[in-house]
Amino acid sequence: MLIDSFEVEVFTPPCEPGAERFAARAHLVADISEVLPLLNATLKGAVYLPQANALTWKKGGHNVAFHVFDIATSNAADRGEAERELRSLVDLVNLTWERRAEIEPDYQTRQRPAAIALFRLLPQTNCKQCGQPTCFTFAMQLAASQANLEACPVIFDEGRESSLAGLRLLLIDAPRL
């Protein structure tokens, strides 16, 4: 186990005094820098910054940041949710560390594709077949690696081959699971 103890700090973000949402930070005793390339290899949508020794990720509406001696999460509905989210992130780090022999570390930094660039290549029919209310909403989910291109059946229609190729090209360098 890499992290066996940590101190939890739950707070309202300083930029939003009186906010109804909470952020939380786990202050660690253990240095987790060696697990960051492993998380980068396994977390869909993660952005690893080796020069800053940090990794950011979006998980279920929460912004998550892993640093050498802390893990932070935001956008929790209450203190209890913030603490539960932190504990699940600590468990994720520990599980990833336990599986380190099975995971090829990834030291690359990838940028998420811009949602507007993806949107321009989507059919823009707002047909909702992907489960989203608009093609732009779907593009934002694609950019954040929270949706798969296969969810849009219209992009696979005949005559859309160049758009599909462009989308695949933009998404190929996106973080993956």
N, C-alpha and C. Protein backbone atom coordinates (compact mmCIF):
# COMPACT_ATOMS: atom_id res chain seq x y z
N MET A 1 0.85 -1.18 0.00
CA MET A 1 0.00 0.00 0.00
C MET A 1 0.89 1.24 0.00
N LEU A 2 0.64 2.13 -0.93
CA LEU A 2 1.44 3.34 -1.04
C LEU A 2 0.99 4.40 -0.04
N ILE A 3 -0.32 4.61 0.06
CA ILE A 3 -0.87 5.60 1.00
C ILE A 3 -1.56 4.86 2.12
N ASP A 4 -1.01 4.93 3.31
CA ASP A 4 -1.67 4.27 4.44
C ASP A 4 -2.31 5.26 5.40
N SER A 5 -1.95 6.53 5.30
CA SER A 5 -2.62 7.53 6.12
C SER A 5 -2.55 8.88 5.43
N PHE A 6 -3.53 9.71 5.73
CA PHE A 6 -3.59 11.05 5.15
C PHE A 6 -4.52 11.91 6.00
N GLU A 7 -4.35 13.19 5.87
CA GLU A 7 -5.19 14.15 6.58
C GLU A 7 -6.14 14.79 5.57
N VAL A 8 -7.42 14.86 5.93
CA VAL A 8 -8.43 15.41 5.04
C VAL A 8 -8.73 16.86 5.40
N GLU A 9 -8.79 17.69 4.38
CA GLU A 9 -9.19 19.09 4.54
C GLU A 9 -10.36 19.33 3.58
N VAL A 10 -11.51 19.73 4.12
CA VAL A 10 -12.68 20.03 3.31
C VAL A 10 -12.97 21.52 3.47
N PHE A 11 -13.25 22.19 2.35
CA PHE A 11 -13.44 23.64 2.40
C PHE A 11 -14.30 24.11 1.23
N THR A 12 -14.82 25.31 1.34
CA THR A 12 -15.46 25.93 0.18
C THR A 12 -14.35 26.67 -0.55
N PRO A 13 -14.32 26.59 -1.84
CA PRO A 13 -13.23 27.23 -2.59
C PRO A 13 -13.16 28.73 -2.28
N PRO A 14 -11.94 29.26 -2.11
CA PRO A 14 -11.79 30.67 -1.77
C PRO A 14 -12.35 31.62 -2.83
N CYS A 15 -12.42 31.16 -4.06
CA CYS A 15 -12.96 32.01 -5.12
C CYS A 15 -14.49 32.01 -5.10
N GLU A 16 -15.09 31.16 -4.25
CA GLU A 16 -16.54 31.08 -4.16
C GLU A 16 -16.99 31.09 -2.70
N PRO A 17 -16.70 32.16 -1.93
CA PRO A 17 -17.13 32.15 -0.54
C PRO A 17 -18.64 32.01 -0.44
N GLY A 18 -19.08 31.17 0.49
CA GLY A 18 -20.51 30.94 0.67
C GLY A 18 -21.10 29.98 -0.35
N ALA A 19 -20.27 29.38 -1.17
CA ALA A 19 -20.75 28.45 -2.19
C ALA A 19 -21.38 27.23 -1.54
N GLU A 20 -22.27 26.63 -2.27
CA GLU A 20 -22.92 25.43 -1.76
C GLU A 20 -22.18 24.17 -2.18
N ARG A 21 -21.06 24.32 -2.84
CA ARG A 21 -20.25 23.19 -3.26
C ARG A 21 -18.98 23.18 -2.43
N PHE A 22 -18.37 22.02 -2.32
CA PHE A 22 -17.18 21.87 -1.49
C PHE A 22 -16.02 21.29 -2.29
N ALA A 23 -14.83 21.60 -1.85
CA ALA A 23 -13.61 21.02 -2.38
C ALA A 23 -12.92 20.30 -1.22
N ALA A 24 -12.04 19.40 -1.54
CA ALA A 24 -11.35 18.66 -0.48
C ALA A 24 -9.94 18.32 -0.94
N ARG A 25 -9.06 18.19 0.05
CA ARG A 25 -7.67 17.86 -0.23
C ARG A 25 -7.22 16.80 0.78
N ALA A 26 -6.54 15.79 0.27
CA ALA A 26 -5.90 14.79 1.13
C ALA A 26 -4.43 15.15 1.21
N HIS A 27 -3.97 15.50 2.38
CA HIS A 27 -2.55 15.80 2.60
C HIS A 27 -1.88 14.46 2.91
N LEU A 28 -0.91 14.09 2.07
CA LEU A 28 -0.29 12.77 2.16
C LEU A 28 1.06 12.82 2.85
N VAL A 29 1.41 11.73 3.47
CA VAL A 29 2.75 11.56 4.02
C VAL A 29 3.63 10.92 2.95
N ALA A 30 3.02 10.06 2.14
CA ALA A 30 3.75 9.34 1.09
C ALA A 30 3.90 10.19 -0.16
N ASP A 31 5.02 10.06 -0.83
CA ASP A 31 5.28 10.69 -2.12
C ASP A 31 4.66 9.79 -3.19
N ILE A 32 3.69 10.32 -3.95
CA ILE A 32 3.01 9.50 -4.96
C ILE A 32 3.50 9.79 -6.39
N SER A 33 4.64 10.44 -6.53
CA SER A 33 5.12 10.81 -7.86
C SER A 33 5.31 9.59 -8.77
N GLU A 34 5.71 8.46 -8.22
CA GLU A 34 5.94 7.27 -9.06
C GLU A 34 4.65 6.66 -9.60
N VAL A 35 3.52 6.94 -8.99
CA VAL A 35 2.26 6.38 -9.47
C VAL A 35 1.63 7.25 -10.56
N LEU A 36 2.07 8.49 -10.70
CA LEU A 36 1.45 9.39 -11.68
C LEU A 36 1.55 8.88 -13.12
N PRO A 37 2.71 8.37 -13.58
CA PRO A 37 2.75 7.82 -14.94
C PRO A 37 1.88 6.57 -15.10
N LEU A 38 1.66 5.85 -14.03
CA LEU A 38 0.78 4.67 -14.07
C LEU A 38 -0.68 5.12 -14.19
N LEU A 39 -1.05 6.16 -13.44
CA LEU A 39 -2.40 6.71 -13.56
C LEU A 39 -2.61 7.29 -14.95
N ASN A 40 -1.58 7.93 -15.49
CA ASN A 40 -1.66 8.50 -16.83
C ASN A 40 -1.94 7.41 -17.86
N ALA A 41 -1.39 6.25 -17.63
CA ALA A 41 -1.58 5.13 -18.56
C ALA A 41 -2.97 4.51 -18.45
N THR A 42 -3.64 4.70 -17.33
CA THR A 42 -4.90 3.98 -17.10
C THR A 42 -6.14 4.85 -16.98
N LEU A 43 -6.01 6.12 -16.68
CA LEU A 43 -7.19 6.96 -16.46
C LEU A 43 -7.60 7.67 -17.75
N LYS A 44 -8.76 7.37 -18.23
CA LYS A 44 -9.28 7.99 -19.44
C LYS A 44 -9.50 9.48 -19.17
N GLY A 45 -8.92 10.30 -20.01
CA GLY A 45 -9.10 11.74 -19.88
C GLY A 45 -8.09 12.43 -18.98
N ALA A 46 -7.12 11.70 -18.45
CA ALA A 46 -6.12 12.31 -17.57
C ALA A 46 -5.15 13.15 -18.40
N VAL A 47 -4.64 14.21 -17.76
CA VAL A 47 -3.61 15.04 -18.38
C VAL A 47 -2.43 15.07 -17.41
N TYR A 48 -1.34 14.47 -17.84
CA TYR A 48 -0.13 14.35 -17.00
C TYR A 48 0.84 15.46 -17.36
N LEU A 49 1.34 16.14 -16.35
CA LEU A 49 2.32 17.21 -16.52
C LEU A 49 3.58 16.82 -15.76
N PRO A 50 4.49 16.08 -16.42
CA PRO A 50 5.68 15.59 -15.70
C PRO A 50 6.54 16.71 -15.14
N GLN A 51 6.63 17.85 -15.84
CA GLN A 51 7.46 18.95 -15.34
C GLN A 51 6.92 19.53 -14.04
N ALA A 52 5.61 19.40 -13.81
CA ALA A 52 4.99 19.88 -12.57
C ALA A 52 4.76 18.74 -11.58
N ASN A 53 5.08 17.51 -12.01
CA ASN A 53 4.84 16.33 -11.19
C ASN A 53 3.38 16.31 -10.73
N ALA A 54 2.47 16.46 -11.71
CA ALA A 54 1.04 16.53 -11.41
C ALA A 54 0.24 15.85 -12.52
N LEU A 55 -0.95 15.41 -12.15
CA LEU A 55 -1.87 14.80 -13.09
C LEU A 55 -3.26 15.32 -12.77
N THR A 56 -3.99 15.77 -13.78
CA THR A 56 -5.36 16.22 -13.57
C THR A 56 -6.30 15.28 -14.30
N TRP A 57 -7.54 15.24 -13.80
CA TRP A 57 -8.51 14.29 -14.34
C TRP A 57 -9.90 14.79 -13.98
N LYS A 58 -10.86 14.50 -14.81
CA LYS A 58 -12.26 14.79 -14.51
C LYS A 58 -12.95 13.47 -14.24
N LYS A 59 -13.63 13.41 -13.09
CA LYS A 59 -14.30 12.18 -12.69
C LYS A 59 -15.70 12.51 -12.22
N GLY A 60 -16.69 12.15 -12.98
CA GLY A 60 -18.07 12.33 -12.57
C GLY A 60 -18.41 13.73 -12.11
N GLY A 61 -17.97 14.73 -12.84
CA GLY A 61 -18.28 16.11 -12.47
C GLY A 61 -17.31 16.73 -11.48
N HIS A 62 -16.35 15.97 -11.03
CA HIS A 62 -15.34 16.47 -10.10
C HIS A 62 -14.04 16.73 -10.86
N ASN A 63 -13.41 17.84 -10.59
CA ASN A 63 -12.05 18.08 -11.07
C ASN A 63 -11.12 17.49 -10.03
N VAL A 64 -10.20 16.67 -10.49
CA VAL A 64 -9.29 15.97 -9.58
C VAL A 64 -7.86 16.34 -9.95
N ALA A 65 -7.02 16.55 -8.94
CA ALA A 65 -5.60 16.82 -9.17
C ALA A 65 -4.78 15.94 -8.23
N PHE A 66 -3.82 15.25 -8.82
CA PHE A 66 -2.87 14.45 -8.05
C PHE A 66 -1.54 15.17 -8.07
N HIS A 67 -0.99 15.45 -6.91
CA HIS A 67 0.33 16.07 -6.77
C HIS A 67 1.19 15.16 -5.91
N VAL A 68 2.46 15.47 -5.80
CA VAL A 68 3.40 14.61 -5.08
C VAL A 68 2.92 14.26 -3.67
N PHE A 69 2.44 15.24 -2.93
CA PHE A 69 2.03 14.99 -1.55
C PHE A 69 0.58 15.35 -1.26
N ASP A 70 -0.25 15.48 -2.30
CA ASP A 70 -1.67 15.68 -2.03
C ASP A 70 -2.53 15.30 -3.23
N ILE A 71 -3.78 15.06 -2.91
CA ILE A 71 -4.81 14.75 -3.90
C ILE A 71 -5.96 15.71 -3.61
N ALA A 72 -6.45 16.38 -4.64
CA ALA A 72 -7.54 17.34 -4.44
C ALA A 72 -8.70 17.01 -5.36
N THR A 73 -9.90 17.32 -4.89
CA THR A 73 -11.12 17.15 -5.68
C THR A 73 -12.02 18.34 -5.43
N SER A 74 -12.88 18.61 -6.38
CA SER A 74 -13.78 19.76 -6.25
C SER A 74 -15.20 19.38 -6.61
N ASN A 75 -16.09 20.32 -6.40
CA ASN A 75 -17.48 20.22 -6.83
C ASN A 75 -18.26 19.12 -6.12
N ALA A 76 -18.04 18.97 -4.83
CA ALA A 76 -18.80 18.01 -4.05
C ALA A 76 -20.02 18.71 -3.45
N ALA A 77 -21.13 18.00 -3.34
CA ALA A 77 -22.38 18.58 -2.84
C ALA A 77 -22.31 18.90 -1.34
N ASP A 78 -21.55 18.11 -0.60
CA ASP A 78 -21.45 18.34 0.85
C ASP A 78 -20.13 17.76 1.35
N ARG A 79 -19.88 17.99 2.62
CA ARG A 79 -18.62 17.51 3.21
C ARG A 79 -18.48 16.00 3.12
N GLY A 80 -19.56 15.29 3.36
CA GLY A 80 -19.51 13.83 3.30
C GLY A 80 -19.13 13.32 1.92
N GLU A 81 -19.74 13.91 0.88
CA GLU A 81 -19.40 13.51 -0.49
C GLU A 81 -17.94 13.82 -0.80
N ALA A 82 -17.46 14.97 -0.34
CA ALA A 82 -16.07 15.35 -0.58
C ALA A 82 -15.12 14.34 0.06
N GLU A 83 -15.41 13.95 1.28
CA GLU A 83 -14.56 12.97 1.97
C GLU A 83 -14.62 11.60 1.29
N ARG A 84 -15.81 11.18 0.89
CA ARG A 84 -15.95 9.88 0.19
C ARG A 84 -15.17 9.90 -1.13
N GLU A 85 -15.27 11.01 -1.86
CA GLU A 85 -14.55 11.13 -3.13
C GLU A 85 -13.04 11.02 -2.90
N LEU A 86 -12.54 11.71 -1.88
CA LEU A 86 -11.10 11.62 -1.57
C LEU A 86 -10.69 10.20 -1.23
N ARG A 87 -11.48 9.54 -0.42
CA ARG A 87 -11.15 8.16 -0.04
C ARG A 87 -11.14 7.25 -1.28
N SER A 88 -12.06 7.47 -2.21
CA SER A 88 -12.06 6.64 -3.42
C SER A 88 -10.82 6.93 -4.27
N LEU A 89 -10.37 8.18 -4.28
CA LEU A 89 -9.16 8.52 -5.04
C LEU A 89 -7.92 7.92 -4.39
N VAL A 90 -7.86 7.92 -3.08
CA VAL A 90 -6.74 7.27 -2.37
C VAL A 90 -6.76 5.77 -2.67
N ASP A 91 -7.95 5.18 -2.66
CA ASP A 91 -8.06 3.74 -3.00
C ASP A 91 -7.59 3.49 -4.43
N LEU A 92 -7.94 4.39 -5.34
CA LEU A 92 -7.50 4.27 -6.73
C LEU A 92 -5.98 4.31 -6.84
N VAL A 93 -5.35 5.22 -6.13
CA VAL A 93 -3.88 5.31 -6.14
C VAL A 93 -3.29 4.01 -5.59
N ASN A 94 -3.82 3.54 -4.48
CA ASN A 94 -3.29 2.31 -3.88
C ASN A 94 -3.49 1.10 -4.79
N LEU A 95 -4.65 0.98 -5.42
CA LEU A 95 -4.90 -0.13 -6.33
C LEU A 95 -3.97 -0.06 -7.54
N THR A 96 -3.80 1.14 -8.08
CA THR A 96 -2.90 1.31 -9.22
C THR A 96 -1.48 0.94 -8.83
N TRP A 97 -1.05 1.34 -7.64
CA TRP A 97 0.29 1.02 -7.16
C TRP A 97 0.46 -0.49 -7.00
N GLU A 98 -0.57 -1.15 -6.48
CA GLU A 98 -0.50 -2.61 -6.31
C GLU A 98 -0.40 -3.32 -7.66
N ARG A 99 -0.97 -2.73 -8.70
CA ARG A 99 -0.95 -3.33 -10.04
C ARG A 99 0.20 -2.83 -10.90
N ARG A 100 1.15 -2.12 -10.33
CA ARG A 100 2.22 -1.47 -11.10
C ARG A 100 3.01 -2.41 -12.00
N ALA A 101 3.14 -3.67 -11.62
CA ALA A 101 3.88 -4.62 -12.45
C ALA A 101 3.13 -4.93 -13.75
N GLU A 102 1.81 -4.71 -13.76
CA GLU A 102 0.98 -5.01 -14.93
C GLU A 102 0.80 -3.81 -15.85
N ILE A 103 1.21 -2.63 -15.41
CA ILE A 103 0.93 -1.39 -16.14
C ILE A 103 2.21 -0.80 -16.71
N GLU A 104 2.17 -0.47 -17.99
CA GLU A 104 3.30 0.20 -18.63
C GLU A 104 3.16 1.70 -18.34
N PRO A 105 4.11 2.31 -17.61
CA PRO A 105 4.00 3.74 -17.30
C PRO A 105 3.96 4.58 -18.57
N ASP A 106 3.19 5.64 -18.54
CA ASP A 106 3.06 6.54 -19.68
C ASP A 106 3.50 7.93 -19.22
N TYR A 107 4.59 8.42 -19.79
CA TYR A 107 5.16 9.71 -19.40
C TYR A 107 4.76 10.84 -20.34
N GLN A 108 3.91 10.54 -21.32
CA GLN A 108 3.51 11.55 -22.30
C GLN A 108 2.48 12.52 -21.73
N THR A 109 2.57 13.76 -22.17
CA THR A 109 1.54 14.75 -21.88
C THR A 109 0.65 14.84 -23.11
N ARG A 110 -0.62 14.68 -22.93
CA ARG A 110 -1.58 14.82 -24.02
C ARG A 110 -2.51 15.97 -23.70
N GLN A 111 -2.93 16.65 -24.72
CA GLN A 111 -3.91 17.71 -24.55
C GLN A 111 -5.26 17.17 -25.01
N ARG A 112 -6.28 17.56 -24.31
CA ARG A 112 -7.62 17.19 -24.76
C ARG A 112 -7.94 17.99 -26.02
N PRO A 113 -8.63 17.37 -26.98
CA PRO A 113 -9.02 18.13 -28.17
C PRO A 113 -10.05 19.20 -27.78
N ALA A 114 -10.05 20.29 -28.50
CA ALA A 114 -11.01 21.36 -28.23
C ALA A 114 -12.41 20.90 -28.64
N ALA A 115 -13.38 21.15 -27.78
CA ALA A 115 -14.76 20.75 -28.06
C ALA A 115 -15.27 21.37 -29.36
N ILE A 116 -14.91 22.61 -29.62
CA ILE A 116 -15.41 23.28 -30.82
C ILE A 116 -14.85 22.61 -32.10
N ALA A 117 -13.62 22.15 -32.03
CA ALA A 117 -13.04 21.46 -33.19
C ALA A 117 -13.78 20.14 -33.45
N LEU A 118 -14.14 19.44 -32.39
CA LEU A 118 -14.90 18.20 -32.54
C LEU A 118 -16.31 18.51 -33.05
N PHE A 119 -16.93 19.52 -32.48
CA PHE A 119 -18.29 19.91 -32.87
C PHE A 119 -18.37 20.21 -34.38
N ARG A 120 -17.38 20.90 -34.88
CA ARG A 120 -17.39 21.27 -36.31
C ARG A 120 -17.41 20.05 -37.23
N LEU A 121 -16.90 18.93 -36.73
CA LEU A 121 -16.87 17.71 -37.53
C LEU A 121 -18.07 16.80 -37.29
N LEU A 122 -18.81 17.06 -36.21
CA LEU A 122 -19.99 16.25 -35.92
C LEU A 122 -21.13 16.63 -36.88
N PRO A 123 -22.16 15.78 -37.01
CA PRO A 123 -23.25 16.04 -37.95
C PRO A 123 -24.04 17.33 -37.66
N GLN A 124 -24.05 17.77 -36.43
CA GLN A 124 -24.77 18.98 -36.01
C GLN A 124 -26.27 18.87 -36.30
N THR A 125 -26.81 17.69 -36.09
CA THR A 125 -28.25 17.45 -36.28
C THR A 125 -29.03 17.58 -34.98
N ASN A 126 -28.32 17.52 -33.85
CA ASN A 126 -28.96 17.54 -32.53
C ASN A 126 -30.05 16.47 -32.43
N CYS A 127 -29.78 15.30 -32.98
CA CYS A 127 -30.76 14.22 -33.05
C CYS A 127 -30.95 13.50 -31.71
N LYS A 128 -30.04 13.68 -30.78
CA LYS A 128 -30.10 13.08 -29.44
C LYS A 128 -29.86 11.56 -29.42
N GLN A 129 -29.48 10.97 -30.56
CA GLN A 129 -29.25 9.52 -30.59
C GLN A 129 -28.05 9.12 -29.73
N CYS A 130 -27.17 10.07 -29.47
CA CYS A 130 -26.00 9.80 -28.63
C CYS A 130 -26.34 9.87 -27.14
N GLY A 131 -27.55 10.32 -26.85
CA GLY A 131 -27.97 10.46 -25.46
C GLY A 131 -27.79 11.87 -24.91
N GLN A 132 -27.28 12.77 -25.75
CA GLN A 132 -27.07 14.16 -25.33
C GLN A 132 -28.08 15.06 -26.03
N PRO A 133 -28.41 16.19 -25.42
CA PRO A 133 -29.41 17.06 -26.02
C PRO A 133 -28.94 17.78 -27.28
N THR A 134 -27.63 17.99 -27.41
CA THR A 134 -27.10 18.68 -28.60
C THR A 134 -25.78 18.05 -29.02
N CYS A 135 -25.41 18.32 -30.26
CA CYS A 135 -24.11 17.85 -30.74
C CYS A 135 -22.97 18.56 -30.00
N PHE A 136 -23.18 19.81 -29.60
CA PHE A 136 -22.11 20.49 -28.86
C PHE A 136 -21.90 19.87 -27.49
N THR A 137 -22.98 19.48 -26.82
CA THR A 137 -22.85 18.80 -25.53
C THR A 137 -22.08 17.50 -25.72
N PHE A 138 -22.39 16.78 -26.78
CA PHE A 138 -21.68 15.54 -27.08
C PHE A 138 -20.20 15.83 -27.35
N ALA A 139 -19.92 16.91 -28.08
CA ALA A 139 -18.53 17.29 -28.37
C ALA A 139 -17.77 17.59 -27.08
N MET A 140 -18.42 18.25 -26.14
CA MET A 140 -17.76 18.54 -24.85
C MET A 140 -17.45 17.25 -24.11
N GLN A 141 -18.36 16.29 -24.17
CA GLN A 141 -18.10 15.00 -23.52
C GLN A 141 -16.98 14.24 -24.22
N LEU A 142 -16.96 14.29 -25.54
CA LEU A 142 -15.86 13.67 -26.28
C LEU A 142 -14.52 14.29 -25.88
N ALA A 143 -14.49 15.62 -25.80
CA ALA A 143 -13.26 16.33 -25.46
C ALA A 143 -12.76 15.95 -24.07
N ALA A 144 -13.68 15.70 -23.17
CA ALA A 144 -13.31 15.34 -21.80
C ALA A 144 -13.16 13.83 -21.62
N SER A 145 -13.22 13.08 -22.72
CA SER A 145 -13.11 11.61 -22.69
C SER A 145 -14.20 10.98 -21.83
N GLN A 146 -15.38 11.60 -21.83
CA GLN A 146 -16.50 11.06 -21.07
C GLN A 146 -17.53 10.41 -21.98
N ALA A 147 -17.25 10.36 -23.27
CA ALA A 147 -18.12 9.70 -24.24
C ALA A 147 -17.25 9.09 -25.33
N ASN A 148 -17.80 8.12 -26.01
CA ASN A 148 -17.12 7.47 -27.13
C ASN A 148 -17.76 7.89 -28.43
N LEU A 149 -16.97 8.04 -29.46
CA LEU A 149 -17.46 8.44 -30.77
C LEU A 149 -18.55 7.49 -31.27
N GLU A 150 -18.46 6.22 -30.89
CA GLU A 150 -19.43 5.22 -31.33
C GLU A 150 -20.84 5.53 -30.85
N ALA A 151 -21.00 6.42 -29.88
CA ALA A 151 -22.33 6.78 -29.39
C ALA A 151 -23.10 7.62 -30.41
N CYS A 152 -22.41 8.15 -31.42
CA CYS A 152 -23.05 8.96 -32.46
C CYS A 152 -23.22 8.11 -33.71
N PRO A 153 -24.38 7.47 -33.90
CA PRO A 153 -24.55 6.62 -35.08
C PRO A 153 -24.56 7.42 -36.38
N VAL A 154 -24.96 8.67 -36.35
CA VAL A 154 -25.07 9.48 -37.56
C VAL A 154 -23.72 9.72 -38.23
N ILE A 155 -22.64 9.81 -37.43
CA ILE A 155 -21.31 10.09 -38.00
C ILE A 155 -20.83 8.92 -38.87
N PHE A 156 -21.44 7.75 -38.70
CA PHE A 156 -21.05 6.58 -39.47
C PHE A 156 -21.88 6.42 -40.75
N ASP A 157 -22.79 7.37 -41.01
CA ASP A 157 -23.61 7.32 -42.22
C ASP A 157 -22.73 7.53 -43.46
N GLU A 158 -23.18 6.98 -44.55
CA GLU A 158 -22.48 7.15 -45.83
C GLU A 158 -22.38 8.65 -46.16
N GLY A 159 -21.22 9.04 -46.67
CA GLY A 159 -21.00 10.43 -47.02
C GLY A 159 -20.33 11.25 -45.92
N ARG A 160 -20.16 10.66 -44.75
CA ARG A 160 -19.53 11.39 -43.63
C ARG A 160 -18.12 10.86 -43.33
N GLU A 161 -17.54 10.14 -44.28
CA GLU A 161 -16.24 9.50 -44.06
C GLU A 161 -15.14 10.50 -43.70
N SER A 162 -15.11 11.65 -44.35
CA SER A 162 -14.04 12.62 -44.06
C SER A 162 -14.20 13.23 -42.67
N SER A 163 -15.44 13.49 -42.26
CA SER A 163 -15.68 13.99 -40.90
C SER A 163 -15.29 12.94 -39.87
N LEU A 164 -15.66 11.71 -40.12
CA LEU A 164 -15.31 10.62 -39.21
C LEU A 164 -13.80 10.48 -39.09
N ALA A 165 -13.10 10.55 -40.22
CA ALA A 165 -11.63 10.46 -40.21
C ALA A 165 -11.03 11.62 -39.41
N GLY A 166 -11.57 12.82 -39.59
CA GLY A 166 -11.08 13.98 -38.85
C GLY A 166 -11.30 13.84 -37.36
N LEU A 167 -12.47 13.35 -36.97
CA LEU A 167 -12.75 13.13 -35.55
C LEU A 167 -11.80 12.09 -34.96
N ARG A 168 -11.61 11.01 -35.68
CA ARG A 168 -10.70 9.97 -35.19
C ARG A 168 -9.27 10.50 -35.04
N LEU A 169 -8.86 11.35 -35.96
CA LEU A 169 -7.53 11.94 -35.89
C LEU A 169 -7.40 12.83 -34.65
N LEU A 170 -8.40 13.65 -34.38
CA LEU A 170 -8.37 14.51 -33.19
C LEU A 170 -8.41 13.70 -31.90
N LEU A 171 -9.16 12.62 -31.92
CA LEU A 171 -9.33 11.83 -30.71
C LEU A 171 -8.22 10.82 -30.48
N ILE A 172 -7.41 10.52 -31.48
CA ILE A 172 -6.37 9.50 -31.34
C ILE A 172 -5.33 9.89 -30.31
N ASP A 173 -5.03 11.18 -30.16
CA ASP A 173 -4.04 11.60 -29.18
C ASP A 173 -4.66 11.94 -27.84
N ALA A 174 -5.97 11.80 -27.76
CA ALA A 174 -6.63 12.08 -26.48
C ALA A 174 -6.27 10.98 -25.49
N PRO A 175 -6.29 11.30 -24.21
CA PRO A 175 -6.03 10.27 -23.20
C PRO A 175 -6.99 9.10 -23.36
N ARG A 176 -6.56 7.94 -22.96
CA ARG A 176 -7.37 6.74 -23.13
C ARG A 176 -7.41 5.92 -21.87
N LEU A 177 -8.33 4.99 -21.86
CA LEU A 177 -8.47 4.08 -20.72
C LEU A 177 -7.56 2.89 -20.90
